[in-house]
N, C-alpha and C. Protein backbone atom coordinates (compact mmCIF):
# COMPACT_ATOMS: atom_id res chain seq x y z
N MET A 1 0.85 -1.19 0.00
CA MET A 1 0.00 0.00 0.00
C MET A 1 0.88 1.24 0.00
N LYS A 2 0.58 2.18 -0.85
CA LYS A 2 1.37 3.41 -0.93
C LYS A 2 1.15 4.25 0.32
N ILE A 3 2.24 4.74 0.89
CA ILE A 3 2.15 5.56 2.10
C ILE A 3 2.58 6.99 1.76
N LEU A 4 1.67 7.93 1.98
CA LEU A 4 1.95 9.34 1.74
C LEU A 4 2.34 10.01 3.06
N GLU A 5 2.84 11.22 2.97
CA GLU A 5 3.18 12.00 4.16
C GLU A 5 2.03 12.94 4.50
N VAL A 6 1.90 13.31 5.78
CA VAL A 6 0.85 14.23 6.16
C VAL A 6 1.11 15.65 5.62
N THR A 7 2.29 15.87 5.11
CA THR A 7 2.59 17.15 4.45
C THR A 7 2.17 17.14 2.98
N ASP A 8 1.76 15.97 2.47
CA ASP A 8 1.31 15.86 1.08
C ASP A 8 -0.03 16.58 0.92
N SER A 9 -0.26 17.17 -0.23
CA SER A 9 -1.51 17.89 -0.47
C SER A 9 -2.74 17.00 -0.35
N ALA A 10 -2.57 15.69 -0.56
CA ALA A 10 -3.70 14.76 -0.46
C ALA A 10 -4.26 14.69 0.96
N PHE A 11 -3.45 15.05 1.96
CA PHE A 11 -3.90 14.97 3.34
C PHE A 11 -4.88 16.08 3.69
N ALA A 12 -4.88 17.17 2.95
CA ALA A 12 -5.72 18.33 3.27
C ALA A 12 -7.20 17.99 3.32
N LYS A 13 -7.62 16.98 2.60
CA LYS A 13 -9.00 16.53 2.60
C LYS A 13 -9.39 15.91 3.94
N TYR A 14 -8.41 15.35 4.62
CA TYR A 14 -8.67 14.59 5.85
C TYR A 14 -8.34 15.36 7.13
N GLY A 15 -7.41 16.30 7.05
CA GLY A 15 -7.02 16.99 8.28
C GLY A 15 -5.88 17.96 8.04
N LYS A 16 -5.23 18.34 9.12
CA LYS A 16 -4.11 19.28 9.04
C LYS A 16 -3.13 19.01 10.17
N VAL A 17 -1.90 19.45 9.99
CA VAL A 17 -0.89 19.35 11.03
C VAL A 17 -1.14 20.46 12.05
N VAL A 18 -1.12 20.10 13.34
CA VAL A 18 -1.34 21.06 14.41
C VAL A 18 0.01 21.70 14.77
N LYS A 19 0.04 23.02 14.77
CA LYS A 19 1.28 23.74 15.05
C LYS A 19 1.07 24.71 16.22
N GLY A 20 2.18 25.16 16.80
CA GLY A 20 2.12 26.17 17.84
C GLY A 20 1.84 25.66 19.24
N ILE A 21 1.92 24.34 19.45
CA ILE A 21 1.72 23.76 20.77
C ILE A 21 2.91 22.86 21.09
N ASP A 22 3.45 22.99 22.28
CA ASP A 22 4.60 22.17 22.71
C ASP A 22 4.08 20.87 23.33
N PHE A 23 4.35 19.76 22.65
CA PHE A 23 3.87 18.45 23.11
C PHE A 23 4.96 17.64 23.82
N SER A 24 6.12 18.24 24.08
CA SER A 24 7.26 17.46 24.58
C SER A 24 6.96 16.76 25.90
N ALA A 25 6.33 17.43 26.85
CA ALA A 25 6.02 16.81 28.14
C ALA A 25 5.02 15.67 27.98
N LEU A 26 4.06 15.86 27.09
CA LEU A 26 3.06 14.83 26.82
C LEU A 26 3.71 13.59 26.20
N LEU A 27 4.60 13.79 25.27
CA LEU A 27 5.29 12.67 24.62
C LEU A 27 6.16 11.92 25.63
N SER A 28 6.84 12.64 26.50
CA SER A 28 7.68 12.00 27.52
C SER A 28 6.84 11.18 28.49
N LYS A 29 5.71 11.74 28.91
CA LYS A 29 4.83 11.02 29.84
C LYS A 29 4.25 9.77 29.19
N MET A 30 3.93 9.84 27.91
CA MET A 30 3.44 8.66 27.19
C MET A 30 4.45 7.54 27.22
N GLU A 31 5.72 7.86 26.97
CA GLU A 31 6.76 6.84 26.97
C GLU A 31 6.99 6.29 28.37
N GLU A 32 6.76 7.12 29.36
CA GLU A 32 7.00 6.72 30.75
C GLU A 32 5.91 5.80 31.30
N ILE A 33 4.64 6.06 30.97
CA ILE A 33 3.56 5.36 31.69
C ILE A 33 2.69 4.44 30.85
N THR A 34 2.78 4.51 29.51
CA THR A 34 1.83 3.71 28.72
C THR A 34 2.50 2.48 28.10
N PRO A 35 1.84 1.33 28.16
CA PRO A 35 2.40 0.09 27.61
C PRO A 35 2.20 0.00 26.10
N VAL A 36 2.97 -0.88 25.47
CA VAL A 36 2.81 -1.18 24.04
C VAL A 36 2.58 -2.68 23.91
N PRO A 37 1.33 -3.11 23.88
CA PRO A 37 1.04 -4.55 23.82
C PRO A 37 1.29 -5.12 22.42
N GLU A 38 1.23 -6.44 22.34
CA GLU A 38 1.41 -7.09 21.04
C GLU A 38 0.20 -6.89 20.14
N ASP A 39 -0.99 -6.60 20.73
CA ASP A 39 -2.16 -6.29 19.91
C ASP A 39 -2.37 -4.77 19.95
N VAL A 40 -3.56 -4.30 20.22
CA VAL A 40 -3.83 -2.86 20.29
C VAL A 40 -4.65 -2.57 21.54
N VAL A 41 -4.28 -1.51 22.25
CA VAL A 41 -5.05 -1.07 23.41
C VAL A 41 -5.44 0.39 23.22
N TYR A 42 -6.69 0.71 23.59
CA TYR A 42 -7.15 2.10 23.54
C TYR A 42 -7.71 2.48 24.90
N VAL A 43 -7.26 3.59 25.44
CA VAL A 43 -7.75 4.12 26.72
C VAL A 43 -8.23 5.55 26.46
N PRO A 44 -9.52 5.84 26.65
CA PRO A 44 -10.04 7.16 26.28
C PRO A 44 -9.49 8.32 27.10
N SER A 45 -9.25 8.09 28.40
CA SER A 45 -8.90 9.20 29.29
C SER A 45 -7.87 8.73 30.31
N VAL A 46 -6.77 9.47 30.44
CA VAL A 46 -5.69 9.11 31.36
C VAL A 46 -5.39 10.31 32.25
N PRO A 47 -5.67 10.22 33.55
CA PRO A 47 -5.48 11.37 34.44
C PRO A 47 -4.07 11.95 34.41
N GLU A 48 -3.04 11.09 34.30
CA GLU A 48 -1.67 11.58 34.29
C GLU A 48 -1.38 12.45 33.06
N LEU A 49 -2.01 12.13 31.94
CA LEU A 49 -1.84 12.94 30.74
C LEU A 49 -2.64 14.23 30.83
N GLU A 50 -3.82 14.13 31.40
CA GLU A 50 -4.69 15.30 31.51
C GLU A 50 -4.24 16.28 32.58
N ALA A 51 -3.31 15.84 33.44
CA ALA A 51 -2.78 16.73 34.48
C ALA A 51 -1.70 17.66 33.94
N LEU A 52 -1.22 17.41 32.73
CA LEU A 52 -0.16 18.21 32.14
C LEU A 52 -0.71 19.57 31.65
N PRO A 53 0.12 20.61 31.65
CA PRO A 53 -0.33 21.94 31.19
C PRO A 53 -0.90 21.94 29.77
N VAL A 54 -0.43 21.04 28.91
CA VAL A 54 -0.89 21.02 27.53
C VAL A 54 -2.39 20.70 27.45
N PHE A 55 -2.95 20.10 28.48
CA PHE A 55 -4.39 19.80 28.51
C PHE A 55 -5.19 21.10 28.36
N GLY A 56 -4.82 22.11 29.12
CA GLY A 56 -5.51 23.39 29.03
C GLY A 56 -5.31 24.06 27.69
N GLU A 57 -4.11 23.95 27.15
CA GLU A 57 -3.81 24.56 25.86
C GLU A 57 -4.61 23.91 24.74
N LEU A 58 -4.73 22.58 24.78
CA LEU A 58 -5.53 21.88 23.78
C LEU A 58 -7.01 22.22 23.92
N THR A 59 -7.48 22.34 25.16
CA THR A 59 -8.87 22.71 25.39
C THR A 59 -9.20 24.04 24.73
N VAL A 60 -8.33 25.00 24.91
CA VAL A 60 -8.58 26.36 24.41
C VAL A 60 -8.30 26.47 22.92
N LYS A 61 -7.13 26.00 22.49
CA LYS A 61 -6.68 26.27 21.12
C LYS A 61 -7.28 25.35 20.07
N THR A 62 -7.59 24.11 20.44
CA THR A 62 -8.05 23.17 19.42
C THR A 62 -9.52 22.81 19.54
N TYR A 63 -10.12 22.99 20.70
CA TYR A 63 -11.53 22.64 20.87
C TYR A 63 -12.39 23.81 21.35
N GLY A 64 -11.87 25.03 21.26
CA GLY A 64 -12.67 26.20 21.53
C GLY A 64 -13.33 26.20 22.90
N GLU A 65 -12.61 25.68 23.91
CA GLU A 65 -13.03 25.64 25.31
C GLU A 65 -14.07 24.56 25.62
N LEU A 66 -14.32 23.66 24.69
CA LEU A 66 -15.16 22.50 25.01
C LEU A 66 -14.39 21.55 25.92
N PRO A 67 -15.07 20.82 26.80
CA PRO A 67 -14.39 19.81 27.63
C PRO A 67 -13.78 18.73 26.74
N ILE A 68 -12.56 18.32 27.07
CA ILE A 68 -11.88 17.30 26.27
C ILE A 68 -11.36 16.16 27.16
N GLN A 69 -10.85 15.15 26.51
CA GLN A 69 -10.16 14.06 27.20
C GLN A 69 -8.88 13.74 26.43
N ILE A 70 -7.87 13.31 27.15
CA ILE A 70 -6.62 12.86 26.51
C ILE A 70 -6.39 11.41 26.90
N GLY A 71 -6.31 10.56 25.89
CA GLY A 71 -6.03 9.15 26.10
C GLY A 71 -4.97 8.69 25.12
N TYR A 72 -4.96 7.39 24.85
CA TYR A 72 -3.95 6.88 23.92
C TYR A 72 -4.41 5.61 23.24
N CYS A 73 -3.77 5.32 22.10
CA CYS A 73 -3.92 4.06 21.40
C CYS A 73 -2.51 3.57 21.09
N ASN A 74 -2.15 2.42 21.66
CA ASN A 74 -0.80 1.86 21.50
C ASN A 74 -0.87 0.42 21.02
N GLY A 75 0.22 -0.06 20.46
CA GLY A 75 0.29 -1.48 20.16
C GLY A 75 0.99 -1.82 18.86
N HIS A 76 0.60 -2.96 18.32
CA HIS A 76 1.13 -3.46 17.06
C HIS A 76 -0.06 -3.77 16.15
N ASN A 77 -0.03 -3.25 14.94
CA ASN A 77 -1.12 -3.46 14.00
C ASN A 77 -0.63 -3.09 12.61
N GLN A 78 -1.08 -3.85 11.61
CA GLN A 78 -0.74 -3.50 10.23
C GLN A 78 -1.91 -3.70 9.29
N LYS A 79 -3.14 -3.76 9.83
CA LYS A 79 -4.33 -3.95 9.00
C LYS A 79 -5.36 -2.86 9.25
N LEU A 80 -6.25 -2.69 8.30
CA LEU A 80 -7.32 -1.70 8.42
C LEU A 80 -8.35 -2.13 9.46
N ASN A 81 -8.97 -3.29 9.25
CA ASN A 81 -9.92 -3.95 10.17
C ASN A 81 -11.26 -3.24 10.32
N ALA A 82 -11.28 -1.94 10.38
CA ALA A 82 -12.53 -1.18 10.54
C ALA A 82 -12.24 0.29 10.26
N LEU A 83 -13.30 1.07 10.16
CA LEU A 83 -13.19 2.52 10.11
C LEU A 83 -14.28 3.11 10.99
N GLU A 84 -13.97 4.22 11.63
CA GLU A 84 -14.94 4.88 12.49
C GLU A 84 -14.91 6.38 12.22
N TYR A 85 -15.94 7.06 12.71
CA TYR A 85 -15.95 8.53 12.63
C TYR A 85 -16.68 9.10 13.83
N HIS A 86 -16.47 10.38 14.06
CA HIS A 86 -17.09 11.09 15.18
C HIS A 86 -17.81 12.32 14.64
N ARG A 87 -18.56 13.00 15.49
CA ARG A 87 -19.18 14.27 15.11
C ARG A 87 -18.24 15.43 15.47
N SER A 88 -16.98 15.13 15.55
CA SER A 88 -15.99 16.12 15.99
C SER A 88 -14.63 15.72 15.46
N SER A 89 -13.73 16.70 15.42
CA SER A 89 -12.35 16.38 15.06
C SER A 89 -11.69 15.55 16.15
N GLU A 90 -10.68 14.79 15.73
CA GLU A 90 -9.83 14.03 16.66
C GLU A 90 -8.40 14.50 16.44
N ILE A 91 -7.66 14.67 17.52
CA ILE A 91 -6.25 15.03 17.40
C ILE A 91 -5.41 13.83 17.76
N ASP A 92 -4.55 13.42 16.84
CA ASP A 92 -3.62 12.31 17.05
C ASP A 92 -2.21 12.87 17.12
N ILE A 93 -1.48 12.46 18.14
CA ILE A 93 -0.09 12.90 18.31
C ILE A 93 0.80 11.67 18.33
N ALA A 94 1.66 11.54 17.34
CA ALA A 94 2.51 10.36 17.20
C ALA A 94 3.71 10.46 18.14
N VAL A 95 3.84 9.49 19.04
CA VAL A 95 5.02 9.44 19.92
C VAL A 95 6.20 8.91 19.13
N ASN A 96 5.96 7.95 18.26
CA ASN A 96 6.96 7.48 17.32
C ASN A 96 6.30 7.35 15.94
N ASP A 97 7.09 7.18 14.91
CA ASP A 97 6.54 7.11 13.56
C ASP A 97 5.43 6.07 13.48
N LEU A 98 4.33 6.42 12.83
CA LEU A 98 3.22 5.49 12.64
C LEU A 98 2.47 5.85 11.37
N VAL A 99 1.57 4.98 10.96
CA VAL A 99 0.78 5.19 9.75
C VAL A 99 -0.70 5.10 10.10
N VAL A 100 -1.50 6.00 9.53
CA VAL A 100 -2.95 5.91 9.68
C VAL A 100 -3.57 5.68 8.30
N MET A 101 -4.57 4.79 8.24
CA MET A 101 -5.34 4.57 7.02
C MET A 101 -6.64 5.36 7.15
N LEU A 102 -6.92 6.20 6.17
CA LEU A 102 -8.01 7.14 6.27
C LEU A 102 -8.98 7.03 5.10
N GLY A 103 -10.24 7.34 5.38
CA GLY A 103 -11.26 7.44 4.35
C GLY A 103 -12.04 8.72 4.54
N TRP A 104 -13.04 8.94 3.68
CA TRP A 104 -13.81 10.18 3.68
C TRP A 104 -15.28 9.84 3.86
N GLN A 105 -15.92 10.41 4.85
CA GLN A 105 -17.30 10.06 5.18
C GLN A 105 -18.27 10.20 3.99
N PRO A 106 -18.15 11.23 3.15
CA PRO A 106 -19.07 11.32 2.01
C PRO A 106 -19.00 10.14 1.04
N ASP A 107 -17.95 9.31 1.14
CA ASP A 107 -17.85 8.13 0.28
C ASP A 107 -18.63 6.94 0.84
N ILE A 108 -19.21 7.07 2.03
CA ILE A 108 -20.08 6.02 2.55
C ILE A 108 -21.38 6.03 1.75
N THR A 109 -21.81 4.87 1.29
CA THR A 109 -23.02 4.78 0.46
C THR A 109 -24.28 4.92 1.31
N PRO A 110 -25.44 5.14 0.69
CA PRO A 110 -26.69 5.25 1.46
C PRO A 110 -27.02 4.02 2.30
N ASP A 111 -26.51 2.84 1.90
CA ASP A 111 -26.75 1.63 2.70
C ASP A 111 -25.60 1.36 3.68
N PHE A 112 -24.78 2.39 3.92
CA PHE A 112 -23.72 2.36 4.91
C PHE A 112 -22.67 1.29 4.64
N THR A 113 -22.19 1.31 3.40
CA THR A 113 -21.00 0.53 3.06
C THR A 113 -19.94 1.49 2.54
N TYR A 114 -18.70 1.04 2.63
CA TYR A 114 -17.57 1.85 2.18
C TYR A 114 -16.57 0.93 1.50
N ASP A 115 -16.15 1.30 0.30
CA ASP A 115 -15.19 0.52 -0.48
C ASP A 115 -13.78 0.84 -0.01
N THR A 116 -13.10 -0.15 0.52
CA THR A 116 -11.77 0.09 1.08
C THR A 116 -10.75 0.52 0.03
N ALA A 117 -11.05 0.32 -1.25
CA ALA A 117 -10.13 0.76 -2.30
C ALA A 117 -9.98 2.28 -2.30
N LYS A 118 -10.92 2.99 -1.68
CA LYS A 118 -10.86 4.45 -1.63
C LYS A 118 -9.96 4.96 -0.50
N ALA A 119 -9.57 4.09 0.43
CA ALA A 119 -8.78 4.52 1.59
C ALA A 119 -7.35 4.89 1.18
N GLU A 120 -6.75 5.79 1.95
CA GLU A 120 -5.37 6.21 1.72
C GLU A 120 -4.59 6.13 3.03
N ALA A 121 -3.29 5.91 2.92
CA ALA A 121 -2.42 5.77 4.10
C ALA A 121 -1.46 6.94 4.18
N PHE A 122 -1.26 7.42 5.42
CA PHE A 122 -0.37 8.56 5.66
C PHE A 122 0.53 8.28 6.85
N ARG A 123 1.80 8.66 6.72
CA ARG A 123 2.75 8.54 7.83
C ARG A 123 2.70 9.80 8.67
N ILE A 124 2.57 9.60 9.98
CA ILE A 124 2.68 10.70 10.93
C ILE A 124 4.03 10.56 11.62
N PRO A 125 4.97 11.47 11.40
CA PRO A 125 6.29 11.34 12.01
C PRO A 125 6.24 11.54 13.52
N ALA A 126 7.20 10.97 14.22
CA ALA A 126 7.29 11.11 15.67
C ALA A 126 7.27 12.58 16.06
N GLY A 127 6.47 12.89 17.09
CA GLY A 127 6.38 14.25 17.59
C GLY A 127 5.41 15.14 16.86
N THR A 128 4.76 14.61 15.81
CA THR A 128 3.83 15.40 15.01
C THR A 128 2.39 15.17 15.48
N ALA A 129 1.63 16.26 15.55
CA ALA A 129 0.21 16.19 15.88
C ALA A 129 -0.62 16.54 14.65
N VAL A 130 -1.69 15.80 14.43
CA VAL A 130 -2.59 16.11 13.32
C VAL A 130 -4.02 16.19 13.83
N GLU A 131 -4.77 17.07 13.24
CA GLU A 131 -6.21 17.11 13.47
C GLU A 131 -6.89 16.34 12.35
N LEU A 132 -7.64 15.29 12.71
CA LEU A 132 -8.44 14.56 11.74
C LEU A 132 -9.86 15.11 11.81
N TYR A 133 -10.36 15.62 10.69
CA TYR A 133 -11.66 16.25 10.68
C TYR A 133 -12.78 15.26 10.98
N ALA A 134 -13.95 15.77 11.36
CA ALA A 134 -15.09 14.91 11.68
C ALA A 134 -15.51 14.05 10.50
N THR A 135 -15.23 14.48 9.29
CA THR A 135 -15.59 13.72 8.09
C THR A 135 -14.55 12.67 7.72
N THR A 136 -13.52 12.53 8.53
CA THR A 136 -12.44 11.59 8.23
C THR A 136 -12.68 10.24 8.92
N LEU A 137 -12.71 9.19 8.13
CA LEU A 137 -12.81 7.83 8.64
C LEU A 137 -11.42 7.37 9.06
N HIS A 138 -11.33 6.73 10.21
CA HIS A 138 -10.03 6.31 10.74
C HIS A 138 -10.24 5.15 11.70
N TYR A 139 -9.17 4.54 12.12
CA TYR A 139 -9.23 3.48 13.13
C TYR A 139 -7.86 3.39 13.78
N ALA A 140 -7.50 2.25 14.31
CA ALA A 140 -6.22 2.12 15.00
C ALA A 140 -5.05 2.37 14.04
N PRO A 141 -4.03 3.10 14.50
CA PRO A 141 -2.83 3.30 13.67
C PRO A 141 -2.13 1.97 13.36
N CYS A 142 -1.18 2.05 12.44
CA CYS A 142 -0.34 0.90 12.10
C CYS A 142 1.10 1.20 12.49
N HIS A 143 1.79 0.16 12.96
CA HIS A 143 3.19 0.36 13.33
C HIS A 143 4.09 0.19 12.11
N ILE A 144 5.20 0.95 12.11
CA ILE A 144 6.23 0.78 11.09
C ILE A 144 7.58 0.54 11.74
N GLU A 145 7.57 0.40 13.06
CA GLU A 145 8.77 0.04 13.81
C GLU A 145 8.47 -1.23 14.60
N GLU A 146 9.46 -2.07 14.77
CA GLU A 146 9.24 -3.34 15.47
C GLU A 146 8.71 -3.14 16.89
N LYS A 147 9.08 -2.04 17.51
CA LYS A 147 8.64 -1.79 18.89
C LYS A 147 7.17 -1.40 18.98
N GLY A 148 6.50 -1.26 17.83
CA GLY A 148 5.10 -0.91 17.83
C GLY A 148 4.89 0.60 17.76
N PHE A 149 3.68 1.04 18.08
CA PHE A 149 3.37 2.47 18.01
C PHE A 149 2.77 2.95 19.32
N ARG A 150 2.99 4.23 19.59
CA ARG A 150 2.29 4.95 20.66
C ARG A 150 1.67 6.20 20.04
N CYS A 151 0.38 6.43 20.32
CA CYS A 151 -0.31 7.58 19.74
C CYS A 151 -1.24 8.19 20.78
N VAL A 152 -1.06 9.47 21.05
CA VAL A 152 -1.98 10.22 21.92
C VAL A 152 -3.26 10.49 21.14
N ILE A 153 -4.41 10.31 21.81
CA ILE A 153 -5.71 10.56 21.18
C ILE A 153 -6.46 11.61 22.00
N VAL A 154 -6.76 12.73 21.38
CA VAL A 154 -7.50 13.81 22.04
C VAL A 154 -8.87 13.94 21.38
N LEU A 155 -9.92 13.93 22.22
CA LEU A 155 -11.29 13.99 21.72
C LEU A 155 -12.16 14.76 22.70
N PRO A 156 -13.36 15.19 22.29
CA PRO A 156 -14.29 15.76 23.25
C PRO A 156 -14.60 14.78 24.38
N LYS A 157 -14.79 15.30 25.56
CA LYS A 157 -15.00 14.48 26.75
C LYS A 157 -16.16 13.49 26.55
N ASP A 158 -15.96 12.28 27.02
CA ASP A 158 -16.91 11.15 27.00
C ASP A 158 -16.98 10.42 25.66
N THR A 159 -16.27 10.88 24.64
CA THR A 159 -16.23 10.14 23.38
C THR A 159 -15.66 8.74 23.61
N ASN A 160 -16.27 7.76 22.98
CA ASN A 160 -15.87 6.35 23.04
C ASN A 160 -16.23 5.66 24.36
N LEU A 161 -16.97 6.33 25.23
CA LEU A 161 -17.46 5.66 26.44
C LEU A 161 -18.70 4.84 26.10
N ASP A 162 -19.11 3.96 27.04
CA ASP A 162 -20.25 3.08 26.80
C ASP A 162 -21.54 3.87 26.55
N LEU A 163 -22.37 3.34 25.67
CA LEU A 163 -23.66 3.95 25.37
C LEU A 163 -24.63 3.77 26.54
N ASP A 164 -25.60 4.67 26.62
CA ASP A 164 -26.62 4.59 27.66
C ASP A 164 -27.83 3.77 27.23
N ALA A 165 -27.98 3.53 25.92
CA ALA A 165 -29.15 2.81 25.41
C ALA A 165 -28.77 2.09 24.13
N PRO A 166 -29.53 1.04 23.75
CA PRO A 166 -29.25 0.34 22.50
C PRO A 166 -29.62 1.19 21.29
N HIS A 167 -28.95 0.94 20.18
CA HIS A 167 -29.19 1.67 18.94
C HIS A 167 -29.31 0.67 17.80
N ALA A 168 -30.22 0.95 16.87
CA ALA A 168 -30.41 0.03 15.75
C ALA A 168 -31.00 0.76 14.57
N GLY A 169 -30.66 0.28 13.37
CA GLY A 169 -31.24 0.81 12.15
C GLY A 169 -30.46 1.96 11.54
N GLY A 170 -30.15 1.84 10.25
CA GLY A 170 -29.46 2.91 9.55
C GLY A 170 -28.16 3.31 10.20
N GLU A 171 -27.86 4.59 10.15
CA GLU A 171 -26.62 5.09 10.76
C GLU A 171 -26.61 4.81 12.26
N ASP A 172 -27.78 4.91 12.88
CA ASP A 172 -27.87 4.70 14.33
C ASP A 172 -27.36 3.32 14.72
N GLY A 173 -27.56 2.34 13.84
CA GLY A 173 -27.09 0.99 14.12
C GLY A 173 -25.59 0.83 14.09
N HIS A 174 -24.90 1.85 13.61
CA HIS A 174 -23.43 1.83 13.57
C HIS A 174 -22.81 2.54 14.77
N LEU A 175 -23.66 3.07 15.65
CA LEU A 175 -23.16 3.74 16.85
C LEU A 175 -22.79 2.68 17.88
N THR A 176 -21.52 2.54 18.16
CA THR A 176 -21.06 1.48 19.07
C THR A 176 -20.54 2.02 20.40
N ALA A 177 -20.35 3.31 20.50
CA ALA A 177 -19.95 3.98 21.73
C ALA A 177 -20.35 5.44 21.58
N LYS A 178 -20.26 6.21 22.64
CA LYS A 178 -20.66 7.61 22.54
C LYS A 178 -19.79 8.33 21.50
N ASN A 179 -20.46 8.99 20.56
CA ASN A 179 -19.78 9.76 19.52
C ASN A 179 -18.87 8.89 18.65
N LYS A 180 -19.22 7.62 18.46
CA LYS A 180 -18.40 6.71 17.65
C LYS A 180 -19.30 5.85 16.76
N TRP A 181 -19.21 6.12 15.45
CA TRP A 181 -19.92 5.31 14.46
C TRP A 181 -18.91 4.42 13.76
N LEU A 182 -19.20 3.12 13.69
CA LEU A 182 -18.23 2.11 13.25
C LEU A 182 -18.71 1.36 12.02
N LEU A 183 -17.79 1.15 11.07
CA LEU A 183 -18.00 0.25 9.95
C LEU A 183 -16.89 -0.79 9.99
N GLY A 184 -17.26 -2.02 10.31
CA GLY A 184 -16.27 -3.07 10.44
C GLY A 184 -16.04 -3.83 9.15
N HIS A 185 -14.91 -4.53 9.10
CA HIS A 185 -14.62 -5.43 7.99
C HIS A 185 -14.86 -6.86 8.46
N PRO A 186 -15.47 -7.71 7.63
CA PRO A 186 -15.75 -9.10 8.04
C PRO A 186 -14.51 -9.86 8.48
N GLU A 187 -13.33 -9.45 8.00
CA GLU A 187 -12.09 -10.12 8.37
C GLU A 187 -11.31 -9.32 9.42
N GLY A 188 -11.97 -8.38 10.06
CA GLY A 188 -11.28 -7.46 10.97
C GLY A 188 -11.12 -7.95 12.39
N GLY A 189 -11.71 -9.10 12.72
CA GLY A 189 -11.55 -9.64 14.07
C GLY A 189 -12.26 -8.83 15.14
N LEU A 190 -13.33 -8.14 14.78
CA LEU A 190 -14.07 -7.34 15.75
C LEU A 190 -14.96 -8.22 16.62
N PRO A 191 -15.40 -7.70 17.77
CA PRO A 191 -16.28 -8.48 18.64
C PRO A 191 -17.56 -8.89 17.91
N GLU A 192 -18.11 -10.05 18.29
CA GLU A 192 -19.34 -10.54 17.67
C GLU A 192 -20.45 -9.51 17.81
N GLY A 193 -21.17 -9.29 16.73
CA GLY A 193 -22.26 -8.33 16.75
C GLY A 193 -21.87 -6.93 16.33
N SER A 194 -20.58 -6.69 16.07
CA SER A 194 -20.15 -5.37 15.62
C SER A 194 -20.75 -5.06 14.25
N PRO A 195 -21.15 -3.82 14.01
CA PRO A 195 -21.72 -3.48 12.70
C PRO A 195 -20.65 -3.54 11.61
N MET A 196 -20.99 -4.20 10.50
CA MET A 196 -20.09 -4.27 9.37
C MET A 196 -20.38 -3.12 8.42
N GLY A 197 -19.61 -3.03 7.35
CA GLY A 197 -19.84 -1.97 6.38
C GLY A 197 -18.71 -1.80 5.39
N LEU A 198 -17.52 -2.32 5.72
CA LEU A 198 -16.40 -2.22 4.79
C LEU A 198 -16.47 -3.34 3.76
N VAL A 199 -16.39 -2.98 2.49
CA VAL A 199 -16.38 -3.97 1.41
C VAL A 199 -15.06 -3.83 0.67
N GLY A 200 -14.59 -4.95 0.14
CA GLY A 200 -13.29 -4.95 -0.51
C GLY A 200 -12.25 -5.57 0.41
N GLU A 201 -10.99 -5.34 0.06
CA GLU A 201 -9.88 -5.93 0.79
C GLU A 201 -9.72 -5.33 2.18
N ASN A 202 -9.37 -6.17 3.15
CA ASN A 202 -8.97 -5.66 4.46
C ASN A 202 -7.52 -5.22 4.31
N LEU A 203 -7.32 -3.94 4.05
CA LEU A 203 -6.01 -3.42 3.64
C LEU A 203 -4.93 -3.69 4.69
N SER A 204 -3.72 -3.88 4.21
CA SER A 204 -2.58 -4.15 5.09
C SER A 204 -1.36 -3.41 4.56
N LEU A 205 -0.49 -2.97 5.47
CA LEU A 205 0.75 -2.31 5.05
C LEU A 205 1.68 -3.32 4.40
């Protein structure tokens, strides 16, 4: 799969590089306290990360004073497996080099399928933060180093927490957590009952 850089003009459709914020303390704390499992782990909110001064800066500068959470997604992965989207931008900060596979929400068909042939891959260099727009389909990053990947995930508060009620039918049936709509791939190894929607190859680096 061809891997583009986030500085490539093709990335502008999906997001932008975040500038003017010092992430050094956040990156150091990630390396200090977060594990890198052989699979993938996602934690929506980590008090030690949210206690850092950058939490306030992200709240003000990137989310316009909305409540936010800082968590992480770490591990080893080289497949697409699924795509998700939110009603809000997501900020990803790469602790080490990693790749994200991205799609565009308007390419989802009326019956809520998405052709994986339309997805594109981008490398986020270590220390770089990107804003992924609400219309950007994404999922777990992919590692390009044997040690795996570490990625800070910043989202509006309560995103990806458990739902309060069941949802079914149309787009609502793809809501699997708060502010998280999911399209799974049949070969993605998702939990039983997860909503499907990806057609075509389960892309791999």
